C-alpha atoms as a PDB file:
ATOM      1  CA  MET A   1      -5.105 -49.280 -17.253  1.00  0.00           C
ATOM      2  CA  PRO A   2      -4.313 -51.083 -13.941  1.00  0.00           C
ATOM      3  CA  LYS A   3      -4.191 -48.822 -10.894  1.00  0.00           C
ATOM      4  CA  THR A   4      -0.693 -47.955  -9.770  1.00  0.00           C
ATOM      5  CA  LYS A   5       0.343 -48.792  -6.246  1.00  0.00           C
ATOM      6  CA  ALA A   6       2.000 -46.306  -3.982  1.00  0.00           C
ATOM      7  CA  LEU A   7       5.644 -47.153  -3.399  1.00  0.00           C
ATOM      8  CA  PRO A   8       6.473 -47.851   0.264  1.00  0.00           C
ATOM      9  CA  ARG A   9       9.128 -45.120   0.088  1.00  0.00           C
ATOM     10  CA  TRP A  10       6.448 -42.384  -0.208  1.00  0.00           C
ATOM     11  CA  GLN A  11       3.823 -43.735   2.104  1.00  0.00           C
ATOM     12  CA  ASN A  12       3.110 -41.456   5.076  1.00  0.00           C
ATOM     13  CA  ALA A  13       5.971 -39.107   3.953  1.00  0.00           C
ATOM     14  CA  ASP A  14       6.324 -35.647   5.359  1.00  0.00           C
ATOM     15  CA  PRO A  15       4.321 -33.359   3.155  1.00  0.00           C
ATOM     16  CA  ARG A  16       7.266 -30.891   2.903  1.00  0.00           C
ATOM     17  CA  TYR A  17       9.281 -33.684   1.354  1.00  0.00           C
ATOM     18  CA  ILE A  18       6.636 -34.550  -1.169  1.00  0.00           C
ATOM     19  CA  TYR A  19       6.375 -30.829  -2.184  1.00  0.00           C
ATOM     20  CA  SER A  20      10.151 -30.665  -2.658  1.00  0.00           C
ATOM     21  CA  LEU A  21      10.288 -33.939  -4.585  1.00  0.00           C
ATOM     22  CA  VAL A  22       7.404 -32.990  -6.940  1.00  0.00           C
ATOM     23  CA  ALA A  23       8.818 -29.506  -7.532  1.00  0.00           C
ATOM     24  CA  ARG A  24      12.235 -30.941  -8.331  1.00  0.00           C
ATOM     25  CA  ARG A  25      10.941 -33.592 -10.624  1.00  0.00           C
ATOM     26  CA  TYR A  26       8.565 -31.206 -12.538  1.00  0.00           C
ATOM     27  CA  PHE A  27      10.605 -27.984 -12.810  1.00  0.00           C
ATOM     28  CA  SER A  28      14.177 -29.257 -12.725  1.00  0.00           C
ATOM     29  CA  GLU A  29      14.150 -32.781 -14.137  1.00  0.00           C
ATOM     30  CA  MET A  30      11.257 -31.833 -16.640  1.00  0.00           C
ATOM     31  CA  LYS A  31       9.352 -35.006 -15.778  1.00  0.00           C
ATOM     32  CA  THR A  32       5.723 -35.127 -16.896  1.00  0.00           C
ATOM     33  CA  LYS A  33       2.865 -35.234 -14.425  1.00  0.00           C
ATOM     34  CA  VAL A  34       2.109 -38.835 -15.580  1.00  0.00           C
ATOM     35  CA  GLU A  35       5.629 -39.909 -14.804  1.00  0.00           C
ATOM     36  CA  ILE A  36       5.597 -38.219 -11.380  1.00  0.00           C
ATOM     37  CA  ALA A  37       2.194 -39.876 -10.722  1.00  0.00           C
ATOM     38  CA  GLU A  38       3.596 -43.321 -11.499  1.00  0.00           C
ATOM     39  CA  GLU A  39       6.560 -42.703  -9.153  1.00  0.00           C
ATOM     40  CA  LEU A  40       4.238 -41.632  -6.293  1.00  0.00           C
ATOM     41  CA  GLY A  41       1.454 -43.970  -6.984  1.00  0.00           C
ATOM     42  CA  VAL A  42      -1.129 -41.254  -7.238  1.00  0.00           C
ATOM     43  CA  SER A  43      -3.225 -39.728 -10.064  1.00  0.00           C
ATOM     44  CA  ARG A  44      -1.808 -37.120 -12.359  1.00  0.00           C
ATOM     45  CA  PHE A  45      -4.524 -34.682 -11.059  1.00  0.00           C
ATOM     46  CA  LYS A  46      -3.178 -35.133  -7.580  1.00  0.00           C
ATOM     47  CA  VAL A  47       0.261 -34.321  -8.948  1.00  0.00           C
ATOM     48  CA  ALA A  48      -1.098 -31.097 -10.556  1.00  0.00           C
ATOM     49  CA  ARG A  49      -2.579 -30.134  -7.137  1.00  0.00           C
ATOM     50  CA  LEU A  50       0.702 -30.882  -5.430  1.00  0.00           C
ATOM     51  CA  ILE A  51       2.589 -28.633  -7.961  1.00  0.00           C
ATOM     52  CA  ASP A  52       0.105 -25.739  -7.373  1.00  0.00           C
ATOM     53  CA  GLU A  53       0.468 -26.208  -3.584  1.00  0.00           C
ATOM     54  CA  ALA A  54       4.279 -26.283  -3.794  1.00  0.00           C
ATOM     55  CA  ILE A  55       4.194 -22.939  -5.548  1.00  0.00           C
ATOM     56  CA  GLU A  56       1.746 -21.487  -2.975  1.00  0.00           C
ATOM     57  CA  GLN A  57       3.882 -22.813  -0.078  1.00  0.00           C
ATOM     58  CA  GLU A  58       6.993 -21.234  -1.745  1.00  0.00           C
ATOM     59  CA  TYR A  59       8.787 -24.447  -2.297  1.00  0.00           C
ATOM     60  CA  VAL A  60       9.217 -23.059  -5.785  1.00  0.00           C
ATOM     61  CA  LYS A  61      10.325 -19.412  -6.435  1.00  0.00           C
ATOM     62  CA  PHE A  62      10.390 -17.975  -9.870  1.00  0.00           C
ATOM     63  CA  ILE A  63      13.203 -15.470 -10.633  1.00  0.00           C
ATOM     64  CA  PHE A  64      13.079 -13.300 -13.731  1.00  0.00           C
ATOM     65  CA  PRO A  65      16.467 -11.538 -13.915  1.00  0.00           C
ATOM     66  CA  LYS A  66      15.652  -9.507 -17.106  1.00  0.00           C
ATOM     67  CA  GLN A  67      12.326  -8.541 -15.657  1.00  0.00           C
ATOM     68  CA  GLN A  68      14.019  -7.193 -12.524  1.00  0.00           C
ATOM     69  CA  ALA A  69      16.313  -5.055 -14.664  1.00  0.00           C
ATOM     70  CA  LEU A  70      13.228  -3.838 -16.583  1.00  0.00           C
ATOM     71  CA  ASP A  71      11.395  -2.998 -13.301  1.00  0.00           C
ATOM     72  CA  GLU A  72      14.421  -0.948 -12.173  1.00  0.00           C
ATOM     73  CA  GLU A  73      14.526   0.939 -15.497  1.00  0.00           C
ATOM     74  CA  ILE A  74      10.790   1.732 -15.356  1.00  0.00           C
ATOM     75  CA  ALA A  75      11.224   3.082 -11.813  1.00  0.00           C
ATOM     76  CA  ARG A  76      14.096   5.299 -12.971  1.00  0.00           C
ATOM     77  CA  ASN A  77      12.025   6.554 -15.859  1.00  0.00           C
ATOM     78  CA  LEU A  78       9.140   7.411 -13.486  1.00  0.00           C
ATOM     79  CA  CYS A  79      11.618   9.323 -11.316  1.00  0.00           C
ATOM     80  CA  GLU A  80      12.814  11.310 -14.299  1.00  0.00           C
ATOM     81  CA  LYS A  81       9.364  12.052 -15.776  1.00  0.00           C
ATOM     82  CA  TYR A  82       7.698  13.087 -12.615  1.00  0.00           C
ATOM     83  CA  SER A  83      10.707  14.581 -10.683  1.00  0.00           C
ATOM     84  CA  LEU A  84      10.495  11.867  -8.000  1.00  0.00           C
ATOM     85  CA  THR A  85      13.449  10.899  -5.700  1.00  0.00           C
ATOM     86  CA  ASP A  86      12.437   7.250  -5.784  1.00  0.00           C
ATOM     87  CA  ALA A  87       9.889   4.890  -7.256  1.00  0.00           C
ATOM     88  CA  VAL A  88       9.137   1.196  -6.601  1.00  0.00           C
ATOM     89  CA  VAL A  89       7.288  -0.917  -9.131  1.00  0.00           C
ATOM     90  CA  LEU A  90       5.590  -4.170  -8.460  1.00  0.00           C
ATOM     91  CA  PRO A  91       6.883  -6.661 -10.988  1.00  0.00           C
ATOM     92  CA  ALA A  92       4.683  -7.871 -13.854  1.00  0.00           C
ATOM     93  CA  SER A  93       5.353 -11.401 -12.673  1.00  0.00           C
ATOM     94  CA  GLU A  94       3.252 -10.757  -9.625  1.00  0.00           C
ATOM     95  CA  ALA A  95      -0.260 -11.902 -10.520  1.00  0.00           C
ATOM     96  CA  TRP A  96      -3.478 -10.310  -9.066  1.00  0.00           C
ATOM     97  CA  SER A  97      -7.018 -10.127 -10.281  1.00  0.00           C
ATOM     98  CA  THR A  98      -8.814  -7.803  -7.927  1.00  0.00           C
ATOM     99  CA  GLN A  99      -7.945  -4.473  -6.292  1.00  0.00           C
ATOM    100  CA  GLU A 100      -7.924  -6.275  -2.848  1.00  0.00           C
ATOM    101  CA  GLN A 101      -5.278  -8.678  -4.030  1.00  0.00           C
ATOM    102  CA  LEU A 102      -3.316  -5.826  -5.591  1.00  0.00           C
ATOM    103  CA  ASN A 103      -3.374  -3.927  -2.279  1.00  0.00           C
ATOM    104  CA  VAL A 104      -1.961  -6.966  -0.547  1.00  0.00           C
ATOM    105  CA  LYS A 105       0.954  -7.057  -3.157  1.00  0.00           C
ATOM    106  CA  LEU A 106       1.576  -3.376  -2.832  1.00  0.00           C
ATOM    107  CA  GLY A 107       1.507  -3.537   0.967  1.00  0.00           C
ATOM    108  CA  GLY A 108       4.203  -6.198   0.764  1.00  0.00           C
ATOM    109  CA  ILE A 109       6.662  -4.197  -1.360  1.00  0.00           C
ATOM    110  CA  THR A 110       5.794  -0.997   0.705  1.00  0.00           C
ATOM    111  CA  ALA A 111       6.563  -2.802   3.979  1.00  0.00           C
ATOM    112  CA  ASN A 112       9.956  -3.824   2.507  1.00  0.00           C
ATOM    113  CA  TYR A 113      10.674  -0.317   1.418  1.00  0.00           C
ATOM    114  CA  LEU A 114       9.860   1.174   4.774  1.00  0.00           C
ATOM    115  CA  SER A 115      11.966  -1.497   6.506  1.00  0.00           C
ATOM    116  CA  GLU A 116      14.984  -0.607   4.276  1.00  0.00           C
ATOM    117  CA  THR A 117      14.656   3.236   4.345  1.00  0.00           C
ATOM    118  CA  LEU A 118      13.279   4.396   7.692  1.00  0.00           C
ATOM    119  CA  GLN A 119      15.901   5.334  10.267  1.00  0.00           C
ATOM    120  CA  GLU A 120      15.885   5.501  13.993  1.00  0.00           C
ATOM    121  CA  GLY A 121      14.488   8.639  15.558  1.00  0.00           C
ATOM    122  CA  MET A 122      12.543   9.769  12.415  1.00  0.00           C
ATOM    123  CA  LYS A 123       9.269  11.513  12.643  1.00  0.00           C
ATOM    124  CA  PHE A 124       6.968   9.256  10.607  1.00  0.00           C
ATOM    125  CA  GLY A 125       3.445   9.975   9.605  1.00  0.00           C
ATOM    126  CA  MET A 126       0.947   7.388   8.214  1.00  0.00           C
ATOM    127  CA  ALA A 127      -2.381   8.242   6.726  1.00  0.00           C
ATOM    128  CA  TRP A 128      -5.098   5.585   6.524  1.00  0.00           C
ATOM    129  CA  GLY A 129      -6.734   3.124   4.076  1.00  0.00           C
ATOM    130  CA  ARG A 130      -6.737  -0.421   2.769  1.00  0.00           C
ATOM    131  CA  VAL A 131      -3.241  -0.424   1.126  1.00  0.00           C
ATOM    132  CA  LEU A 132      -1.732   1.038   4.287  1.00  0.00           C
ATOM    133  CA  SER A 133      -3.470  -1.412   6.445  1.00  0.00           C
ATOM    134  CA  SER A 134      -2.052  -4.177   4.231  1.00  0.00           C
ATOM    135  CA  THR A 135       1.371  -2.542   4.534  1.00  0.00           C
ATOM    136  CA  VAL A 136       1.334  -2.558   8.381  1.00  0.00           C
ATOM    137  CA  SER A 137       0.055  -6.205   8.539  1.00  0.00           C
ATOM    138  CA  GLN A 138       3.223  -7.257   6.612  1.00  0.00           C
ATOM    139  CA  LEU A 139       5.690  -5.203   8.545  1.00  0.00           C
ATOM    140  CA  VAL A 140       8.115  -7.295  10.630  1.00  0.00           C
ATOM    141  CA  SER A 141      10.603  -4.775  12.148  1.00  0.00           C
ATOM    142  CA  LEU A 142      11.319  -1.042  12.138  1.00  0.00           C
ATOM    143  CA  PRO A 143      13.749   1.251  13.919  1.00  0.00           C
ATOM    144  CA  SER A 144      12.367   3.279  16.824  1.00  0.00           C
ATOM    145  CA  LEU A 145      10.229   6.062  15.504  1.00  0.00           C
ATOM    146  CA  ASP A 146       7.920   8.954  16.450  1.00  0.00           C
ATOM    147  CA  VAL A 147       4.762   7.817  14.780  1.00  0.00           C
ATOM    148  CA  VAL A 148       2.400  10.750  14.100  1.00  0.00           C
ATOM    149  CA  GLN A 149      -1.351  10.680  13.295  1.00  0.00           C
ATOM    150  CA  LEU A 150      -1.951  12.922  10.225  1.00  0.00           C
ATOM    151  CA  SER A 151      -5.646  13.562  10.582  1.00  0.00           C
ATOM    152  CA  GLY A 152      -8.698  13.268  12.873  1.00  0.00           C
ATOM    153  CA  VAL A 153     -10.881  10.197  12.764  1.00  0.00           C
ATOM    154  CA  HIS A 154     -14.223   9.402  11.109  1.00  0.00           C
ATOM    155  CA  PRO A 155     -16.612   6.551  11.871  1.00  0.00           C
ATOM    156  CA  GLY A 156     -16.957   5.925   8.104  1.00  0.00           C
ATOM    157  CA  ILE A 157     -13.449   4.576   7.903  1.00  0.00           C
ATOM    158  CA  GLU A 158     -13.120   0.993   9.105  1.00  0.00           C
ATOM    159  CA  PHE A 159     -11.371   0.788  12.461  1.00  0.00           C
ATOM    160  CA  SER A 160      -8.595  -1.579  11.211  1.00  0.00           C
ATOM    161  CA  GLN A 161      -7.844   0.923   8.398  1.00  0.00           C
ATOM    162  CA  GLY A 162      -8.161   4.135  10.457  1.00  0.00           C
ATOM    163  CA  PRO A 163      -5.413   6.462  11.412  1.00  0.00           C
ATOM    164  CA  ILE A 164      -5.309   5.809  15.198  1.00  0.00           C
ATOM    165  CA  ASP A 165      -5.135   2.037  14.891  1.00  0.00           C
ATOM    166  CA  LEU A 166      -2.478   2.135  12.240  1.00  0.00           C
ATOM    167  CA  ILE A 167      -0.083   4.452  14.118  1.00  0.00           C
ATOM    168  CA  HIS A 168      -0.371   2.437  17.271  1.00  0.00           C
ATOM    169  CA  LYS A 169       0.526  -0.747  15.311  1.00  0.00           C
ATOM    170  CA  ILE A 170       3.509   0.934  13.771  1.00  0.00           C
ATOM    171  CA  ALA A 171       4.693   2.249  17.115  1.00  0.00           C
ATOM    172  CA  ALA A 172       4.432  -1.223  18.579  1.00  0.00           C
ATOM    173  CA  ILE A 173       6.468  -2.776  15.765  1.00  0.00           C
ATOM    174  CA  SER A 174       9.135  -0.060  15.940  1.00  0.00           C
ATOM    175  CA  HIS A 175       9.069   0.188  19.768  1.00  0.00           C
ATOM    176  CA  GLY A 176       8.719   3.873  19.279  1.00  0.00           C
ATOM    177  CA  LYS A 177       6.136   6.421  20.543  1.00  0.00           C
ATOM    178  CA  ALA A 178       2.712   6.949  18.989  1.00  0.00           C
ATOM    179  CA  HIS A 179       1.346  10.550  18.821  1.00  0.00           C
ATOM    180  CA  PRO A 180      -2.510  10.161  18.466  1.00  0.00           C
ATOM    181  CA  MET A 181      -5.083  12.863  18.055  1.00  0.00           C
ATOM    182  CA  TYR A 182      -8.519  11.882  19.416  1.00  0.00           C
ATOM    183  CA  VAL A 183     -10.579  14.457  17.535  1.00  0.00           C
ATOM    184  CA  PRO A 184     -13.060  14.109  14.545  1.00  0.00           C
ATOM    185  CA  MET A 185     -11.742  14.429  11.019  1.00  0.00           C
ATOM    186  CA  TRP A 186     -13.913  17.632  10.906  1.00  0.00           C
ATOM    187  CA  VAL A 187     -16.614  19.298  12.797  1.00  0.00           C
ATOM    188  CA  ASP A 188     -19.609  21.383  11.560  1.00  0.00           C
ATOM    189  CA  ASP A 189     -18.979  24.613  13.421  1.00  0.00           C
ATOM    190  CA  GLU A 190     -15.944  26.866  12.950  1.00  0.00           C
ATOM    191  CA  SER A 191     -15.930  28.083  16.585  1.00  0.00           C
ATOM    192  CA  LEU A 192     -15.886  24.461  17.744  1.00  0.00           C
ATOM    193  CA  ALA A 193     -13.093  23.812  15.315  1.00  0.00           C
ATOM    194  CA  ARG A 194     -11.014  26.706  16.659  1.00  0.00           C
ATOM    195  CA  LYS A 195     -11.691  25.485  20.220  1.00  0.00           C
ATOM    196  CA  LEU A 196     -10.556  21.966  19.593  1.00  0.00           C
ATOM    197  CA  ALA A 197      -7.536  23.122  17.647  1.00  0.00           C
ATOM    198  CA  ASP A 198      -6.386  24.864  20.905  1.00  0.00           C
ATOM    199  CA  ASP A 199      -6.649  21.700  22.945  1.00  0.00           C
ATOM    200  CA  GLN A 200      -3.251  20.721  24.309  1.00  0.00           C
ATOM    201  CA  ALA A 201      -3.537  17.023  23.101  1.00  0.00           C
ATOM    202  CA  VAL A 202      -4.160  18.243  19.554  1.00  0.00           C
ATOM    203  CA  LEU A 203      -1.280  20.780  19.750  1.00  0.00           C
ATOM    204  CA  ASP A 204       1.018  18.107  21.098  1.00  0.00           C
ATOM    205  CA  THR A 205       0.479  16.035  17.904  1.00  0.00           C
ATOM    206  CA  GLN A 206       0.204  18.789  15.343  1.00  0.00           C
ATOM    207  CA  LYS A 207       3.552  20.295  16.526  1.00  0.00           C
ATOM    208  CA  PHE A 208       5.182  17.544  14.579  1.00  0.00           C
ATOM    209  CA  TYR A 209       3.469  18.398  11.238  1.00  0.00           C
ATOM    210  CA  SER A 210       5.935  21.161  10.380  1.00  0.00           C
ATOM    211  CA  CYS A 211       9.014  18.951  10.860  1.00  0.00           C
ATOM    212  CA  MET A 212       8.043  15.533   9.484  1.00  0.00           C
ATOM    213  CA  ASP A 213      10.746  13.245   7.956  1.00  0.00           C
ATOM    214  CA  VAL A 214       8.589  10.810   6.150  1.00  0.00           C
ATOM    215  CA  VAL A 215       4.850  10.733   5.416  1.00  0.00           C
ATOM    216  CA  ILE A 216       3.204   7.730   3.731  1.00  0.00           C
ATOM    217  CA  THR A 217      -0.304   7.977   2.167  1.00  0.00           C
ATOM    218  CA  GLY A 218      -2.659   6.169  -0.131  1.00  0.00           C
ATOM    219  CA  ILE A 219      -4.102   8.056  -3.031  1.00  0.00           C
ATOM    220  CA  GLY A 220      -7.786   8.538  -3.334  1.00  0.00           C
ATOM    221  CA  ALA A 221      -9.287   8.670  -6.862  1.00  0.00           C
ATOM    222  CA  TRP A 222     -12.521  10.646  -6.985  1.00  0.00           C
ATOM    223  CA  LYS A 223     -13.373  10.113 -10.708  1.00  0.00           C
ATOM    224  CA  THR A 224     -13.902   6.383 -10.078  1.00  0.00           C
ATOM    225  CA  GLY A 225     -15.212   6.719  -6.490  1.00  0.00           C
ATOM    226  CA  SER A 226     -12.128   4.998  -5.205  1.00  0.00           C
ATOM    227  CA  SER A 227     -11.613   7.381  -2.300  1.00  0.00           C
ATOM    228  CA  SER A 228     -12.468   6.964   1.317  1.00  0.00           C
ATOM    229  CA  LEU A 229     -12.863  10.771   1.619  1.00  0.00           C
ATOM    230  CA  CYS A 230     -15.219  10.847  -1.329  1.00  0.00           C
ATOM    231  CA  ASP A 231     -17.256   8.145   0.361  1.00  0.00           C
ATOM    232  CA  ILE A 232     -17.571   9.937   3.759  1.00  0.00           C
ATOM    233  CA  PHE A 233     -17.700  13.755   2.750  1.00  0.00           C
ATOM    234  CA  PRO A 234     -21.067  15.481   3.111  1.00  0.00           C
ATOM    235  CA  THR A 235     -23.053  15.501  -0.034  1.00  0.00           C
ATOM    236  CA  ALA A 236     -22.764  19.316  -0.456  1.00  0.00           C
ATOM    237  CA  TRP A 237     -18.999  19.245  -0.034  1.00  0.00           C
ATOM    238  CA  ARG A 238     -18.676  16.416  -2.537  1.00  0.00           C
ATOM    239  CA  GLU A 239     -20.937  18.082  -5.214  1.00  0.00           C
ATOM    240  CA  SER A 240     -19.024  21.325  -4.802  1.00  0.00           C
ATOM    241  CA  LEU A 241     -15.579  19.587  -5.232  1.00  0.00           C
ATOM    242  CA  MET A 242     -16.828  17.650  -8.181  1.00  0.00           C
ATOM    243  CA  GLN A 243     -17.666  20.966  -9.909  1.00  0.00           C
ATOM    244  CA  GLN A 244     -14.097  22.055  -9.277  1.00  0.00           C
ATOM    245  CA  ASP A 245     -12.752  18.918 -11.213  1.00  0.00           C
ATOM    246  CA  ILE A 246     -11.443  17.141  -8.149  1.00  0.00           C
ATOM    247  CA  ALA A 247      -9.522  14.035  -9.049  1.00  0.00           C
ATOM    248  CA  ALA A 248      -7.506  12.948  -5.942  1.00  0.00           C
ATOM    249  CA  ASP A 249      -6.946  13.284  -2.325  1.00  0.00           C
ATOM    250  CA  VAL A 250      -3.436  12.924  -0.657  1.00  0.00           C
ATOM    251  CA  CYS A 251      -3.996  12.715   3.105  1.00  0.00           C
ATOM    252  CA  VAL A 252      -6.603  15.501   3.421  1.00  0.00           C
ATOM    253  CA  THR A 253      -5.214  17.585   0.617  1.00  0.00           C
ATOM    254  CA  LEU A 254      -7.545  17.725  -2.341  1.00  0.00           C
ATOM    255  CA  VAL A 255      -6.175  17.898  -5.939  1.00  0.00           C
ATOM    256  CA  SER A 256      -7.828  18.619  -9.278  1.00  0.00           C
ATOM    257  CA  SER A 257      -7.133  16.652 -12.515  1.00  0.00           C
ATOM    258  CA  GLU A 258      -4.489  19.244 -13.435  1.00  0.00           C
ATOM    259  CA  GLY A 259      -2.716  18.899 -10.109  1.00  0.00           C
ATOM    260  CA  GLU A 260      -3.970  22.167  -8.573  1.00  0.00           C
ATOM    261  CA  ILE A 261      -4.653  22.195  -4.868  1.00  0.00           C
ATOM    262  CA  LEU A 262      -8.337  22.849  -4.177  1.00  0.00           C
ATOM    263  CA  ASP A 263      -9.887  24.805  -1.251  1.00  0.00           C
ATOM    264  CA  SER A 264     -12.337  22.791   0.796  1.00  0.00           C
ATOM    265  CA  PRO A 265     -14.271  22.988   4.072  1.00  0.00           C
ATOM    266  CA  MET A 266     -11.582  20.880   5.644  1.00  0.00           C
ATOM    267  CA  ASN A 267      -9.384  23.875   5.611  1.00  0.00           C
ATOM    268  CA  ARG A 268     -11.670  25.576   8.139  1.00  0.00           C
ATOM    269  CA  LEU A 269     -13.440  22.720   9.892  1.00  0.00           C
ATOM    270  CA  GLY A 270     -10.981  19.740   9.662  1.00  0.00           C
ATOM    271  CA  PHE A 271      -8.051  18.537  11.544  1.00  0.00           C
ATOM    272  CA  GLY A 272      -5.015  17.165   9.617  1.00  0.00           C
ATOM    273  CA  ILE A 273      -1.654  17.924   8.131  1.00  0.00           C
ATOM    274  CA  THR A 274      -1.870  20.901   5.717  1.00  0.00           C
ATOM    275  CA  THR A 275      -0.608  21.123   2.136  1.00  0.00           C
ATOM    276  CA  GLU A 276       2.105  23.440   3.118  1.00  0.00           C
ATOM    277  CA  GLN A 277       3.252  21.021   5.820  1.00  0.00           C
ATOM    278  CA  LEU A 278       3.109  18.141   3.358  1.00  0.00           C
ATOM    279  CA  ARG A 279       5.305  20.079   0.995  1.00  0.00           C
ATOM    280  CA  ALA A 280       7.724  20.793   3.852  1.00  0.00           C
ATOM    281  CA  THR A 281       8.055  17.033   4.588  1.00  0.00           C
ATOM    282  CA  LYS A 282      11.400  15.525   3.538  1.00  0.00           C
ATOM    283  CA  LYS A 283       9.795  12.524   1.934  1.00  0.00           C
ATOM    284  CA  VAL A 284       6.109  11.901   0.927  1.00  0.00           C
ATOM    285  CA  ILE A 285       5.440   8.383  -0.215  1.00  0.00           C
ATOM    286  CA  GLY A 286       2.248   7.684  -2.284  1.00  0.00           C
ATOM    287  CA  VAL A 287       1.099   4.070  -2.636  1.00  0.00           C
ATOM    288  CA  ALA A 288      -1.573   3.225  -5.098  1.00  0.00           C
ATOM    289  CA  GLY A 289      -2.081   1.039  -8.206  1.00  0.00           C
ATOM    290  CA  GLY A 290      -4.738  -0.387 -10.493  1.00  0.00           C
ATOM    291  CA  GLU A 291      -7.054   1.057 -13.140  1.00  0.00           C
ATOM    292  CA  GLU A 292      -9.490   2.537 -10.615  1.00  0.00           C
ATOM    293  CA  LYS A 293      -6.642   4.525  -9.067  1.00  0.00           C
ATOM    294  CA  TYR A 294      -5.011   5.766 -12.270  1.00  0.00           C
ATOM    295  CA  GLU A 295      -6.554   9.247 -12.563  1.00  0.00           C
ATOM    296  CA  GLY A 296      -5.901   9.923  -8.936  1.00  0.00           C
ATOM    297  CA  ILE A 297      -2.235   8.909  -9.269  1.00  0.00           C
ATOM    298  CA  VAL A 298      -1.761  11.186 -12.246  1.00  0.00           C
ATOM    299  CA  ALA A 299      -3.293  14.196 -10.462  1.00  0.00           C
ATOM    300  CA  SER A 300      -1.171  13.586  -7.321  1.00  0.00           C
ATOM    301  CA  LEU A 301       1.906  13.334  -9.460  1.00  0.00           C
ATOM    302  CA  LYS A 302       1.034  16.602 -11.228  1.00  0.00           C
ATOM    303  CA  SER A 303       0.554  18.350  -7.846  1.00  0.00           C
ATOM    304  CA  GLY A 304       4.207  17.777  -6.954  1.00  0.00           C
ATOM    305  CA  LEU A 305       3.268  16.644  -3.460  1.00  0.00           C
ATOM    306  CA  LEU A 306       4.937  13.228  -3.820  1.00  0.00           C
ATOM    307  CA  ASN A 307       8.615  12.396  -3.597  1.00  0.00           C
ATOM    308  CA  VAL A 308       8.160   8.557  -3.875  1.00  0.00           C
ATOM    309  CA  LEU A 309       5.613   6.469  -5.808  1.00  0.00           C
ATOM    310  CA  ILE A 310       4.939   2.834  -5.121  1.00  0.00           C
ATOM    311  CA  THR A 311       2.761   1.306  -7.786  1.00  0.00           C
ATOM    312  CA  ASP A 312       2.267  -1.803 -10.016  1.00  0.00           C
ATOM    313  CA  PHE A 313       3.884  -2.585 -13.342  1.00  0.00           C
ATOM    314  CA  ASP A 314       0.785  -1.919 -15.588  1.00  0.00           C
ATOM    315  CA  THR A 315       0.183   1.429 -13.938  1.00  0.00           C
ATOM    316  CA  ALA A 316       3.775   2.477 -14.280  1.00  0.00           C
ATOM    317  CA  ILE A 317       3.761   1.681 -17.959  1.00  0.00           C
ATOM    318  CA  LYS A 318       0.609   3.743 -18.468  1.00  0.00           C
ATOM    319  CA  LEU A 319       2.101   6.570 -16.489  1.00  0.00           C
ATOM    320  CA  LEU A 320       5.149   6.598 -18.766  1.00  0.00           C
ATOM    321  CA  ASP A 321       3.050   6.398 -21.909  1.00  0.00           C
END
């Protein structure tokens, strides 16, 4: 077959125009890759790459109207089954193959949810973790907020995912005020814990805990080891909690597989929002998805701590089944 020659019309064309042309020819006019290749004077393999790039660059957007209605129905069913005030489900049309990719997808819909629901002057608390870090990185604008740190810090949590860094980023986006707490997540001595608890800087932040409007948290799953707390807790603490059938953590509240709140050394030695303060919060949003998070999500829903769940389609279906 003789080699086709590029038509002068397409030589040195703006790549944006090429993407638009290829997308229109392929998806709207139903031209084959070979036909498009002949028009452009390139190989059909080049056309295949251009189609993929057009999709990646969002020159093509797929809309599934019946799928959207199904997503909304599933969200309503989750609310009914688990006594939630709201639920957001990542559509089945959103593809992902790793937990990291899923966290990015969940971060995107969580960022949209926060932008749509947070109101000026709210007291907003954010926990820590990968999915929340992804959420913050995709936020564009927020109303002015009081942004409150919900626990002390630990070197085992990556800086970019830690509570101090995240609340400062949120405050910068919202042009609000950050309320940090520069203390460890826990200490080893009860007398030191009491002394730090009386520090004015700690009191200034913790005074918000009893009157929070919105708290957002990831959900740690202990059975699969998908929990930052599980990773950083001392071995003795972890072994004791495993014997108590721990399944999840919500902020620094620990939950059994049956949804019961567990006692832990954090209650005596740690710094963070308490279970009672979480229950008094007007809206507690839990964000998690994927197989490795499933048991933790179930336990957190059984606990009644969450008002809102943001998760993926597959997990939502499994929760309903």
